[in-house]
Amino acid sequence: MVARVVLKGAFFDTSVILPGLIDFGARSAAAQRLFDAVASGRLGRPRTAWHCCLEFYSVATRLPQEFRLTSKDAVALLDAEVLERFEVADLPAGQRRTFFAACGREGVLGGRLYDSHIAAVARSSGARVAVTDNPRDFTNLERQGIRVVTAAEAAQSLGRGRPGRR
C-alpha cells in the first residue's frame, strides 16, 4: 500500500506540467488527473517555478510533430492552466549568490544546475511536496524535509476516479 501524499503546498516540476497539458497517451494519465484536481480546486493553488514555465514552452514547441504545440497554443495553455491556477515563483534576488555558492561547494555541473535551481525555488516558495517524474533529480529536497513523489503517486493519493483527458 502506498502512503497517502498530502498535496496541499505541492510544487509541480516541468516533467508533470508537460504531460498534464499535452496528451501523450497512457503516460499522461497521472499528470492529467492532477491537472483536473487543480482545475477543480481540490489541490488549492500549487506552486511551480518560472523556469518550469520557460521549459514547458521550449519543449512543447519543439516536440515531434504529432505532439508539438504552436507558440500561440503553448502561450494559451501556460496562461490558462498554469499562470491562472499556480503560484509561479522564482528564486529571490537575495538568495542567488548563496545558491551559486552552494552549487560550487556541492560540485553541481552542467544541466544539473537547472534542477538545483528548480529545487531551490521549490524550497524558497514553501513547498511541502515536490511532484516530478524525475525524482532522482530532486533527492536534495528530501534531505531538507520536502517530500518528493511521482505524478502517479500523487494521483493515486487523490483516491479512485477516472483519469481526465485534455
C-alpha atoms as a PDB file:
ATOM      1  CA  MET A   1       0.000   0.000   0.000  1.00  0.00           C
ATOM      2  CA  VAL A   2       1.285   3.460  -0.954  1.00  0.00           C
ATOM      3  CA  ALA A   3       1.333   6.062   1.804  1.00  0.00           C
ATOM      4  CA  ARG A   4      -1.134   8.884   1.281  1.00  0.00           C
ATOM      5  CA  VAL A   5       0.506  12.031  -0.063  1.00  0.00           C
ATOM      6  CA  VAL A   6      -0.748  15.371   1.210  1.00  0.00           C
ATOM      7  CA  LEU A   7      -0.819  17.552  -1.870  1.00  0.00           C
ATOM      8  CA  LYS A   8      -1.581  20.923  -0.296  1.00  0.00           C
ATOM      9  CA  GLY A   9       1.516  23.032  -0.788  1.00  0.00           C
ATOM     10  CA  ALA A  10       2.564  20.937  -3.803  1.00  0.00           C
ATOM     11  CA  PHE A  11       5.215  22.083  -6.264  1.00  0.00           C
ATOM     12  CA  PHE A  12       4.956  20.751  -9.850  1.00  0.00           C
ATOM     13  CA  ASP A  13       8.058  20.186 -11.949  1.00  0.00           C
ATOM     14  CA  THR A  14       8.066  20.512 -15.752  1.00  0.00           C
ATOM     15  CA  SER A  15       8.059  16.720 -16.035  1.00  0.00           C
ATOM     16  CA  VAL A  16       4.492  16.808 -14.656  1.00  0.00           C
ATOM     17  CA  ILE A  17       3.305  20.024 -16.300  1.00  0.00           C
ATOM     18  CA  LEU A  18       4.194  18.829 -19.806  1.00  0.00           C
ATOM     19  CA  PRO A  19       2.162  15.568 -19.780  1.00  0.00           C
ATOM     20  CA  GLY A  20      -0.505  17.313 -17.728  1.00  0.00           C
ATOM     21  CA  LEU A  21      -1.164  19.701 -20.599  1.00  0.00           C
ATOM     22  CA  ILE A  22      -0.220  17.588 -23.629  1.00  0.00           C
ATOM     23  CA  ASP A  23      -1.781  14.173 -24.125  1.00  0.00           C
ATOM     24  CA  PHE A  24       0.996  11.654 -24.746  1.00  0.00           C
ATOM     25  CA  GLY A  25      -1.398   8.742 -24.206  1.00  0.00           C
ATOM     26  CA  ALA A  26      -1.283   6.459 -21.177  1.00  0.00           C
ATOM     27  CA  ARG A  27       1.881   8.056 -19.785  1.00  0.00           C
ATOM     28  CA  SER A  28      -0.032  11.353 -19.375  1.00  0.00           C
ATOM     29  CA  ALA A  29      -2.898   9.906 -17.311  1.00  0.00           C
ATOM     30  CA  ALA A  30      -1.490  10.602 -13.832  1.00  0.00           C
ATOM     31  CA  ALA A  31      -0.367  14.153 -14.646  1.00  0.00           C
ATOM     32  CA  GLN A  32      -3.701  14.921 -16.309  1.00  0.00           C
ATOM     33  CA  ARG A  33      -5.520  13.640 -13.258  1.00  0.00           C
ATOM     34  CA  LEU A  34      -3.505  16.074 -11.153  1.00  0.00           C
ATOM     35  CA  PHE A  35      -4.349  18.934 -13.513  1.00  0.00           C
ATOM     36  CA  ASP A  36      -8.042  18.017 -13.276  1.00  0.00           C
ATOM     37  CA  ALA A  37      -7.706  18.259  -9.481  1.00  0.00           C
ATOM     38  CA  VAL A  38      -6.014  21.662  -9.826  1.00  0.00           C
ATOM     39  CA  ALA A  39      -8.790  22.891 -12.155  1.00  0.00           C
ATOM     40  CA  SER A  40     -11.483  21.736  -9.715  1.00  0.00           C
ATOM     41  CA  GLY A  41      -9.730  23.437  -6.794  1.00  0.00           C
ATOM     42  CA  ARG A  42      -9.062  20.182  -4.918  1.00  0.00           C
ATOM     43  CA  LEU A  43      -5.338  20.940  -4.667  1.00  0.00           C
ATOM     44  CA  GLY A  44      -5.619  24.571  -3.776  1.00  0.00           C
ATOM     45  CA  ARG A  45      -3.075  26.684  -5.608  1.00  0.00           C
ATOM     46  CA  PRO A  46       0.005  24.557  -6.316  1.00  0.00           C
ATOM     47  CA  ARG A  47       3.398  26.071  -6.990  1.00  0.00           C
ATOM     48  CA  THR A  48       5.847  25.882  -9.837  1.00  0.00           C
ATOM     49  CA  ALA A  49       8.956  27.752 -10.922  1.00  0.00           C
ATOM     50  CA  TRP A  50       9.108  30.411 -13.619  1.00  0.00           C
ATOM     51  CA  HIS A  51      11.893  28.232 -15.051  1.00  0.00           C
ATOM     52  CA  CYS A  52       9.363  25.367 -15.424  1.00  0.00           C
ATOM     53  CA  CYS A  53       7.102  27.670 -17.459  1.00  0.00           C
ATOM     54  CA  LEU A  54      10.008  28.550 -19.743  1.00  0.00           C
ATOM     55  CA  GLU A  55      10.996  24.906 -20.024  1.00  0.00           C
ATOM     56  CA  PHE A  56       7.404  23.872 -20.876  1.00  0.00           C
ATOM     57  CA  TYR A  57       7.269  26.434 -23.688  1.00  0.00           C
ATOM     58  CA  SER A  58      10.683  25.414 -25.006  1.00  0.00           C
ATOM     59  CA  VAL A  59       9.946  21.684 -25.024  1.00  0.00           C
ATOM     60  CA  ALA A  60       6.299  21.916 -26.154  1.00  0.00           C
ATOM     61  CA  THR A  61       7.207  23.965 -29.219  1.00  0.00           C
ATOM     62  CA  ARG A  62       9.919  21.535 -30.365  1.00  0.00           C
ATOM     63  CA  LEU A  63       8.301  18.155 -29.676  1.00  0.00           C
ATOM     64  CA  PRO A  64       7.832  15.667 -32.524  1.00  0.00           C
ATOM     65  CA  GLN A  65       5.207  16.967 -34.954  1.00  0.00           C
ATOM     66  CA  GLU A  66       2.325  14.857 -33.604  1.00  0.00           C
ATOM     67  CA  PHE A  67       2.654  16.461 -30.155  1.00  0.00           C
ATOM     68  CA  ARG A  68       4.208  19.847 -30.952  1.00  0.00           C
ATOM     69  CA  LEU A  69       2.348  22.993 -29.986  1.00  0.00           C
ATOM     70  CA  THR A  70       2.432  26.224 -31.900  1.00  0.00           C
ATOM     71  CA  SER A  71       3.899  29.131 -29.968  1.00  0.00           C
ATOM     72  CA  LYS A  72       0.398  30.608 -29.711  1.00  0.00           C
ATOM     73  CA  ASP A  73      -1.048  27.378 -28.256  1.00  0.00           C
ATOM     74  CA  ALA A  74       1.840  26.993 -25.807  1.00  0.00           C
ATOM     75  CA  VAL A  75       1.250  30.527 -24.505  1.00  0.00           C
ATOM     76  CA  ALA A  76      -2.515  29.945 -24.269  1.00  0.00           C
ATOM     77  CA  LEU A  77      -2.053  26.726 -22.251  1.00  0.00           C
ATOM     78  CA  LEU A  78       0.503  28.317 -19.935  1.00  0.00           C
ATOM     79  CA  ASP A  79      -1.743  31.307 -19.398  1.00  0.00           C
ATOM     80  CA  ALA A  80      -4.976  29.383 -18.716  1.00  0.00           C
ATOM     81  CA  GLU A  81      -3.664  26.277 -16.949  1.00  0.00           C
ATOM     82  CA  VAL A  82      -0.526  27.435 -15.132  1.00  0.00           C
ATOM     83  CA  LEU A  83      -0.332  31.206 -14.729  1.00  0.00           C
ATOM     84  CA  GLU A  84      -4.021  31.394 -13.727  1.00  0.00           C
ATOM     85  CA  ARG A  85      -4.010  28.420 -11.361  1.00  0.00           C
ATOM     86  CA  PHE A  86      -0.481  28.127  -9.932  1.00  0.00           C
ATOM     87  CA  GLU A  87       1.689  30.277  -7.765  1.00  0.00           C
ATOM     88  CA  VAL A  88       4.656  30.830 -10.074  1.00  0.00           C
ATOM     89  CA  ALA A  89       7.810  31.514  -8.088  1.00  0.00           C
ATOM     90  CA  ASP A  90      11.409  32.398  -8.795  1.00  0.00           C
ATOM     91  CA  LEU A  91      14.492  32.408  -6.626  1.00  0.00           C
ATOM     92  CA  PRO A  92      14.516  35.681  -4.676  1.00  0.00           C
ATOM     93  CA  ALA A  93      17.344  38.010  -5.679  1.00  0.00           C
ATOM     94  CA  GLY A  94      18.832  37.853  -2.193  1.00  0.00           C
ATOM     95  CA  GLN A  95      19.300  34.070  -2.459  1.00  0.00           C
ATOM     96  CA  ARG A  96      21.060  33.940  -5.839  1.00  0.00           C
ATOM     97  CA  ARG A  97      24.651  34.283  -4.613  1.00  0.00           C
ATOM     98  CA  THR A  98      24.030  31.737  -1.865  1.00  0.00           C
ATOM     99  CA  PHE A  99      22.558  29.374  -4.456  1.00  0.00           C
ATOM    100  CA  PHE A 100      25.620  29.615  -6.721  1.00  0.00           C
ATOM    101  CA  ALA A 101      27.985  29.224  -3.778  1.00  0.00           C
ATOM    102  CA  ALA A 102      26.150  26.052  -2.700  1.00  0.00           C
ATOM    103  CA  CYS A 103      26.292  24.668  -6.253  1.00  0.00           C
ATOM    104  CA  GLY A 104      30.022  25.305  -6.314  1.00  0.00           C
ATOM    105  CA  ARG A 105      30.566  23.586  -2.962  1.00  0.00           C
ATOM    106  CA  GLU A 106      28.405  20.613  -3.950  1.00  0.00           C
ATOM    107  CA  GLY A 107      30.046  20.195  -7.356  1.00  0.00           C
ATOM    108  CA  VAL A 108      26.870  20.744  -9.384  1.00  0.00           C
ATOM    109  CA  LEU A 109      27.864  20.509 -13.051  1.00  0.00           C
ATOM    110  CA  GLY A 110      26.245  21.158 -16.425  1.00  0.00           C
ATOM    111  CA  GLY A 111      22.493  20.825 -16.772  1.00  0.00           C
ATOM    112  CA  ARG A 112      22.139  19.639 -13.155  1.00  0.00           C
ATOM    113  CA  LEU A 113      22.294  23.356 -12.351  1.00  0.00           C
ATOM    114  CA  TYR A 114      18.734  23.764 -13.672  1.00  0.00           C
ATOM    115  CA  ASP A 115      17.327  21.004 -11.451  1.00  0.00           C
ATOM    116  CA  SER A 116      19.179  22.510  -8.493  1.00  0.00           C
ATOM    117  CA  HIS A 117      17.655  25.891  -9.323  1.00  0.00           C
ATOM    118  CA  ILE A 118      14.131  24.441  -9.544  1.00  0.00           C
ATOM    119  CA  ALA A 119      14.678  22.662  -6.214  1.00  0.00           C
ATOM    120  CA  ALA A 120      15.858  25.926  -4.624  1.00  0.00           C
ATOM    121  CA  VAL A 121      12.726  27.683  -5.922  1.00  0.00           C
ATOM    122  CA  ALA A 122      10.523  24.887  -4.542  1.00  0.00           C
ATOM    123  CA  ARG A 123      12.183  25.227  -1.149  1.00  0.00           C
ATOM    124  CA  SER A 124      12.035  29.035  -1.060  1.00  0.00           C
ATOM    125  CA  SER A 125       8.359  29.009  -2.144  1.00  0.00           C
ATOM    126  CA  GLY A 126       7.415  26.951   0.914  1.00  0.00           C
ATOM    127  CA  ALA A 127       6.548  23.748  -0.939  1.00  0.00           C
ATOM    128  CA  ARG A 128       5.809  20.721   1.240  1.00  0.00           C
ATOM    129  CA  VAL A 129       5.888  18.152  -1.554  1.00  0.00           C
ATOM    130  CA  ALA A 130       7.529  18.200  -4.989  1.00  0.00           C
ATOM    131  CA  VAL A 131       5.736  16.317  -7.754  1.00  0.00           C
ATOM    132  CA  THR A 132       8.115  15.218 -10.501  1.00  0.00           C
ATOM    133  CA  ASP A 133       8.628  12.304 -12.814  1.00  0.00           C
ATOM    134  CA  ASN A 134      12.370  12.749 -12.287  1.00  0.00           C
ATOM    135  CA  PRO A 135      12.570  12.102  -8.517  1.00  0.00           C
ATOM    136  CA  ARG A 136      16.311  11.330  -8.583  1.00  0.00           C
ATOM    137  CA  ASP A 137      16.913  14.905  -9.723  1.00  0.00           C
ATOM    138  CA  PHE A 138      15.372  16.234  -6.519  1.00  0.00           C
ATOM    139  CA  THR A 139      16.717  13.981  -3.760  1.00  0.00           C
ATOM    140  CA  ASN A 140      18.313  17.007  -2.104  1.00  0.00           C
ATOM    141  CA  LEU A 141      14.806  18.271  -1.282  1.00  0.00           C
ATOM    142  CA  GLU A 142      14.079  15.190   0.811  1.00  0.00           C
ATOM    143  CA  ARG A 143      17.122  15.944   2.945  1.00  0.00           C
ATOM    144  CA  GLN A 144      15.526  19.335   3.586  1.00  0.00           C
ATOM    145  CA  GLY A 145      12.146  17.923   4.643  1.00  0.00           C
ATOM    146  CA  ILE A 146      10.279  18.295   1.350  1.00  0.00           C
ATOM    147  CA  ARG A 147       8.719  15.051   0.174  1.00  0.00           C
ATOM    148  CA  VAL A 148       9.392  14.084  -3.461  1.00  0.00           C
ATOM    149  CA  VAL A 149       6.788  11.972  -5.282  1.00  0.00           C
ATOM    150  CA  THR A 150       5.967  10.977  -8.840  1.00  0.00           C
ATOM    151  CA  ALA A 151       2.822  12.098 -10.636  1.00  0.00           C
ATOM    152  CA  ALA A 152       1.463   8.537 -10.346  1.00  0.00           C
ATOM    153  CA  GLU A 153       1.998   8.530  -6.564  1.00  0.00           C
ATOM    154  CA  ALA A 154       0.377  11.935  -6.230  1.00  0.00           C
ATOM    155  CA  ALA A 155      -2.563  10.977  -8.469  1.00  0.00           C
ATOM    156  CA  GLN A 156      -3.071   7.759  -6.517  1.00  0.00           C
ATOM    157  CA  SER A 157      -3.390   9.803  -3.343  1.00  0.00           C
ATOM    158  CA  LEU A 158      -6.378  11.616  -4.875  1.00  0.00           C
ATOM    159  CA  GLY A 159      -8.398   8.430  -4.468  1.00  0.00           C
ATOM    160  CA  ARG A 160     -10.282   6.464  -7.040  1.00  0.00           C
ATOM    161  CA  GLY A 161     -11.632   8.048 -10.171  1.00  0.00           C
ATOM    162  CA  ARG A 162     -11.129   8.191 -13.884  1.00  0.00           C
ATOM    163  CA  PRO A 163      -8.061   9.978 -15.173  1.00  0.00           C
ATOM    164  CA  GLY A 164      -9.056  13.104 -17.063  1.00  0.00           C
ATOM    165  CA  ARG A 165      -8.208  13.773 -20.677  1.00  0.00           C
ATOM    166  CA  ARG A 166      -7.225  17.063 -22.225  1.00  0.00           C
END
